Each structure stands twice: as structure tokens, then as C-alpha cells.
């Protein structure tokens, strides 16, 4: 997990998606998932082979 964002962001605000987009722009493979237990969005690195392919 790279970062955690509370699910209660203001309407129209997507801080987890914006953070993930910035990381993707740098070439990182990340995705946003919802952690229902903690009511938060998590930005996590995507798993893949060592050569960078899934």
C-alpha cells in the first residue's frame, strides 16, 4: 500500500484517483481499491512478473 485516503472526500473530489494518476504518470503500476472495513480508499502497487508484465 502506498497511500490511504478517507472515503468521505467532498463531492466531486477524488484524491485517491488523483494520487494514483500522478504515480501512473511516473510509470508506476498502481490501482485504487476500497477497504470497506476502514472506509478508506487505498492506492496499492499492482502485482506482476519480474519483467513488468502480468
C-alpha atoms as a PDB file:
ATOM      1  CA  UNK A   1       0.000   0.000   0.000  1.00  0.00           C
ATOM      2  CA  UNK A   2       1.327   3.400  -0.978  1.00  0.00           C
ATOM      3  CA  UNK A   3      -1.295   5.766   0.445  1.00  0.00           C
ATOM      4  CA  UNK A   4      -4.673   5.805   2.236  1.00  0.00           C
ATOM      5  CA  UNK A   5      -7.477   8.318   1.669  1.00  0.00           C
ATOM      6  CA  UNK A   6     -10.699   8.620   3.701  1.00  0.00           C
ATOM      7  CA  UNK A   7     -13.842   7.747   1.754  1.00  0.00           C
ATOM      8  CA  UNK A   8     -15.598  10.934   2.897  1.00  0.00           C
ATOM      9  CA  UNK A   9     -13.977  13.333   0.413  1.00  0.00           C
ATOM     10  CA  UNK A  10     -16.124  16.258  -0.766  1.00  0.00           C
ATOM     11  CA  UNK A  11     -18.466  15.521  -3.657  1.00  0.00           C
ATOM     12  CA  UNK A  12     -16.621  15.611  -6.981  1.00  0.00           C
ATOM     13  CA  UNK A  13     -13.241  15.185  -5.278  1.00  0.00           C
ATOM     14  CA  UNK A  14     -11.268  12.015  -5.969  1.00  0.00           C
ATOM     15  CA  UNK A  15      -7.959  12.373  -4.072  1.00  0.00           C
ATOM     16  CA  UNK A  16      -7.058   8.672  -4.283  1.00  0.00           C
ATOM     17  CA  UNK A  17      -7.615   8.615  -8.053  1.00  0.00           C
ATOM     18  CA  UNK A  18      -5.661  11.859  -8.496  1.00  0.00           C
ATOM     19  CA  UNK A  19      -2.757  10.475  -6.454  1.00  0.00           C
ATOM     20  CA  UNK A  20      -2.814   7.227  -8.451  1.00  0.00           C
ATOM     21  CA  UNK A  21      -2.873   9.143 -11.750  1.00  0.00           C
ATOM     22  CA  UNK A  22       0.214  11.098 -10.696  1.00  0.00           C
ATOM     23  CA  UNK A  23       2.031   7.857  -9.829  1.00  0.00           C
ATOM     24  CA  UNK A  24       0.992   6.297 -13.147  1.00  0.00           C
ATOM     25  CA  UNK A  25       2.332   9.348 -14.974  1.00  0.00           C
ATOM     26  CA  UNK A  26       5.709   8.490 -13.417  1.00  0.00           C
ATOM     27  CA  UNK A  27       5.487   4.963 -14.826  1.00  0.00           C
ATOM     28  CA  UNK A  28       4.340   3.167 -11.693  1.00  0.00           C
ATOM     29  CA  UNK A  29       1.693   0.460 -11.894  1.00  0.00           C
ATOM     30  CA  UNK A  30      -0.859   1.325  -9.224  1.00  0.00           C
ATOM     31  CA  UNK A  31      -4.569   0.845  -8.647  1.00  0.00           C
ATOM     32  CA  UNK A  32      -7.157   2.193  -6.218  1.00  0.00           C
ATOM     33  CA  UNK A  33      -9.142  -0.222  -4.052  1.00  0.00           C
ATOM     34  CA  UNK A  34     -11.787   0.313  -1.381  1.00  0.00           C
ATOM     35  CA  UNK A  35     -11.155  -1.013   2.117  1.00  0.00           C
ATOM     36  CA  UNK A  36     -14.696  -1.398   3.449  1.00  0.00           C
ATOM     37  CA  UNK A  37     -13.564  -2.229   6.982  1.00  0.00           C
ATOM     38  CA  UNK A  38     -11.713   1.077   7.405  1.00  0.00           C
ATOM     39  CA  UNK A  39     -13.964   3.056   4.981  1.00  0.00           C
ATOM     40  CA  UNK A  40     -10.953   4.261   3.019  1.00  0.00           C
ATOM     41  CA  UNK A  41      -9.564   4.145  -0.499  1.00  0.00           C
ATOM     42  CA  UNK A  42      -6.118   2.577  -0.778  1.00  0.00           C
ATOM     43  CA  UNK A  43      -3.596   3.189  -3.533  1.00  0.00           C
ATOM     44  CA  UNK A  44      -1.643  -0.021  -3.995  1.00  0.00           C
ATOM     45  CA  UNK A  45       1.027  -1.254  -6.374  1.00  0.00           C
ATOM     46  CA  UNK A  46      -0.109  -3.808  -8.925  1.00  0.00           C
ATOM     47  CA  UNK A  47       1.470  -7.249  -8.777  1.00  0.00           C
ATOM     48  CA  UNK A  48       3.181  -8.572 -11.859  1.00  0.00           C
ATOM     49  CA  UNK A  49       6.051 -10.636 -13.136  1.00  0.00           C
ATOM     50  CA  UNK A  50       9.599  -9.510 -12.544  1.00  0.00           C
ATOM     51  CA  UNK A  51       9.833  -8.350 -16.152  1.00  0.00           C
ATOM     52  CA  UNK A  52       6.918  -5.933 -15.590  1.00  0.00           C
ATOM     53  CA  UNK A  53       4.193  -7.928 -17.299  1.00  0.00           C
ATOM     54  CA  UNK A  54       1.148  -9.517 -15.647  1.00  0.00           C
END
